[in-house]
Amino acid sequence: MSIVLPALAVAFAAFCVWLGVRYLSRRERWAKWTLTTVVGPPVLYVASFGPACWVAARQYPLDRTTGKIYRPLVETYPKWPGLLHWYVWAGLPQGAEFSPVGDWLFYFPDEH
């Protein structure tokens, strides 16, 4: 099982490169739309994580369904590069603490 996920990631990357070459070299419209359809949703998923954190941080009690939707990103939070970490913290209110264990939890020492 440990080799399946890396193999799928390599296959996905190879497929995206192949589609990009098809579109750039031949200007095929189907290749452009397929590439957009394949790459767009993962990019939007990661891009929507910051605003979801900002909204969830201002809710009390916290909405657990949002935490379940973004569980893969929350579980890998300690391994993130600085830019994505900054993106999450940019919109959080002052005094918020993010605990990335299980479902996300926000803690406000002064307010709640």
Protein backbone atom coordinates (compact mmCIF):
# COMPACT_ATOMS: atom_id res chain seq x y z
CA MET A 1 0.00 0.00 0.00
CA SER A 2 2.89 2.36 0.68
CA ILE A 3 3.91 2.30 -2.99
CA VAL A 4 0.42 2.87 -4.41
CA LEU A 5 0.08 6.54 -3.44
CA PRO A 6 3.50 7.63 -4.79
CA ALA A 7 2.85 5.67 -7.99
CA LEU A 8 -0.51 7.41 -8.44
CA ALA A 9 1.11 10.79 -7.82
CA VAL A 10 3.76 10.12 -10.48
CA ALA A 11 1.11 8.90 -12.93
CA PHE A 12 -1.00 12.01 -12.28
CA ALA A 13 1.99 14.30 -12.83
CA ALA A 14 2.95 12.47 -16.03
CA PHE A 15 -0.62 12.73 -17.31
CA CYS A 16 -0.68 16.49 -16.62
CA VAL A 17 2.66 16.99 -18.39
CA TRP A 18 1.43 14.97 -21.37
CA LEU A 19 -1.74 17.08 -21.58
CA GLY A 20 0.28 20.28 -21.28
CA VAL A 21 2.54 19.22 -24.13
CA ARG A 22 -0.46 18.26 -26.26
CA TYR A 23 -2.01 21.66 -25.71
CA LEU A 24 1.16 23.72 -26.15
CA SER A 25 2.45 21.92 -29.23
CA ARG A 26 -0.79 21.31 -31.11
CA ARG A 27 -3.19 23.82 -29.53
CA GLU A 28 -5.84 21.15 -29.12
CA ARG A 29 -8.88 22.51 -27.36
CA TRP A 30 -9.81 19.20 -25.70
CA ALA A 31 -6.37 19.02 -24.09
CA LYS A 32 -6.76 22.50 -22.60
CA TRP A 33 -10.17 21.72 -21.09
CA THR A 34 -9.06 18.32 -19.82
CA LEU A 35 -6.00 19.84 -18.17
CA THR A 36 -8.14 22.56 -16.60
CA THR A 37 -10.61 19.97 -15.33
CA VAL A 38 -7.88 17.74 -13.89
CA VAL A 39 -5.69 20.43 -12.27
CA GLY A 40 -8.37 22.95 -11.25
CA PRO A 41 -10.16 21.14 -8.40
CA PRO A 42 -7.01 20.28 -6.37
CA VAL A 43 -5.77 23.86 -6.72
CA LEU A 44 -9.13 25.27 -5.63
CA TYR A 45 -9.26 22.83 -2.69
CA VAL A 46 -5.93 24.05 -1.32
CA ALA A 47 -6.75 27.70 -2.09
CA SER A 48 -10.06 27.49 -0.22
CA PHE A 49 -8.43 26.13 2.95
CA GLY A 50 -7.30 29.55 4.20
CA PRO A 51 -10.74 31.18 3.97
CA ALA A 52 -12.32 28.07 5.51
CA CYS A 53 -9.95 28.41 8.48
CA TRP A 54 -10.80 32.09 8.81
CA VAL A 55 -14.54 31.40 8.84
CA ALA A 56 -14.21 28.43 11.20
CA ALA A 57 -12.11 30.49 13.60
CA ARG A 58 -14.92 33.01 13.97
CA GLN A 59 -17.61 30.38 14.66
CA TYR A 60 -18.49 29.25 18.12
CA PRO A 61 -19.29 26.41 18.53
CA LEU A 62 -17.08 25.13 15.76
CA ASP A 63 -18.53 23.45 12.70
CA ARG A 64 -17.09 19.92 12.60
CA THR A 65 -18.20 19.16 9.03
CA THR A 66 -15.78 21.73 7.64
CA GLY A 67 -12.98 20.10 9.60
CA LYS A 68 -13.86 16.75 8.06
CA ILE A 69 -13.77 18.17 4.54
CA TYR A 70 -10.26 19.54 5.05
CA ARG A 71 -8.98 16.64 7.18
CA PRO A 72 -6.17 15.68 4.74
CA LEU A 73 -4.74 19.20 4.91
CA VAL A 74 -5.18 19.43 8.68
CA GLU A 75 -3.38 16.15 9.30
CA THR A 76 -0.40 17.24 7.20
CA TYR A 77 -0.33 20.75 8.67
CA PRO A 78 3.02 20.38 10.56
CA LYS A 79 4.77 19.48 7.28
CA TRP A 80 3.60 22.51 5.32
CA PRO A 81 5.96 25.03 3.78
CA GLY A 82 5.98 28.58 5.11
CA LEU A 83 3.78 30.16 2.43
CA LEU A 84 0.75 27.95 3.07
CA HIS A 85 1.26 28.30 6.82
CA TRP A 86 1.30 32.10 6.43
CA TYR A 87 -1.83 31.93 4.25
CA VAL A 88 -3.78 30.17 7.01
CA TRP A 89 -2.61 32.54 9.74
CA ALA A 90 -3.08 35.74 7.69
CA GLY A 91 -6.83 35.93 8.30
CA LEU A 92 -7.11 34.51 11.80
CA PRO A 93 -8.15 36.86 14.59
CA GLN A 94 -5.62 37.98 17.20
CA GLY A 95 -5.04 35.44 19.95
CA ALA A 96 -6.22 32.44 17.93
CA GLU A 97 -4.30 29.22 18.29
CA PHE A 98 -4.57 26.43 15.74
CA SER A 99 -4.37 22.86 16.97
CA PRO A 100 -4.03 20.51 13.97
CA VAL A 101 -4.85 17.26 15.75
CA GLY A 102 -7.76 15.32 14.31
CA ASP A 103 -10.46 17.78 13.33
CA TRP A 104 -9.24 21.33 13.48
CA LEU A 105 -9.69 23.24 16.69
CA PHE A 106 -9.34 26.94 17.32
CA TYR A 107 -8.79 28.27 20.78
CA PHE A 108 -9.24 31.86 21.89
CA PRO A 109 -7.77 32.35 25.36
CA ASP A 110 -9.47 35.68 26.03
CA GLU A 111 -12.86 35.25 24.37
CA HIS A 112 -14.15 31.72 25.07
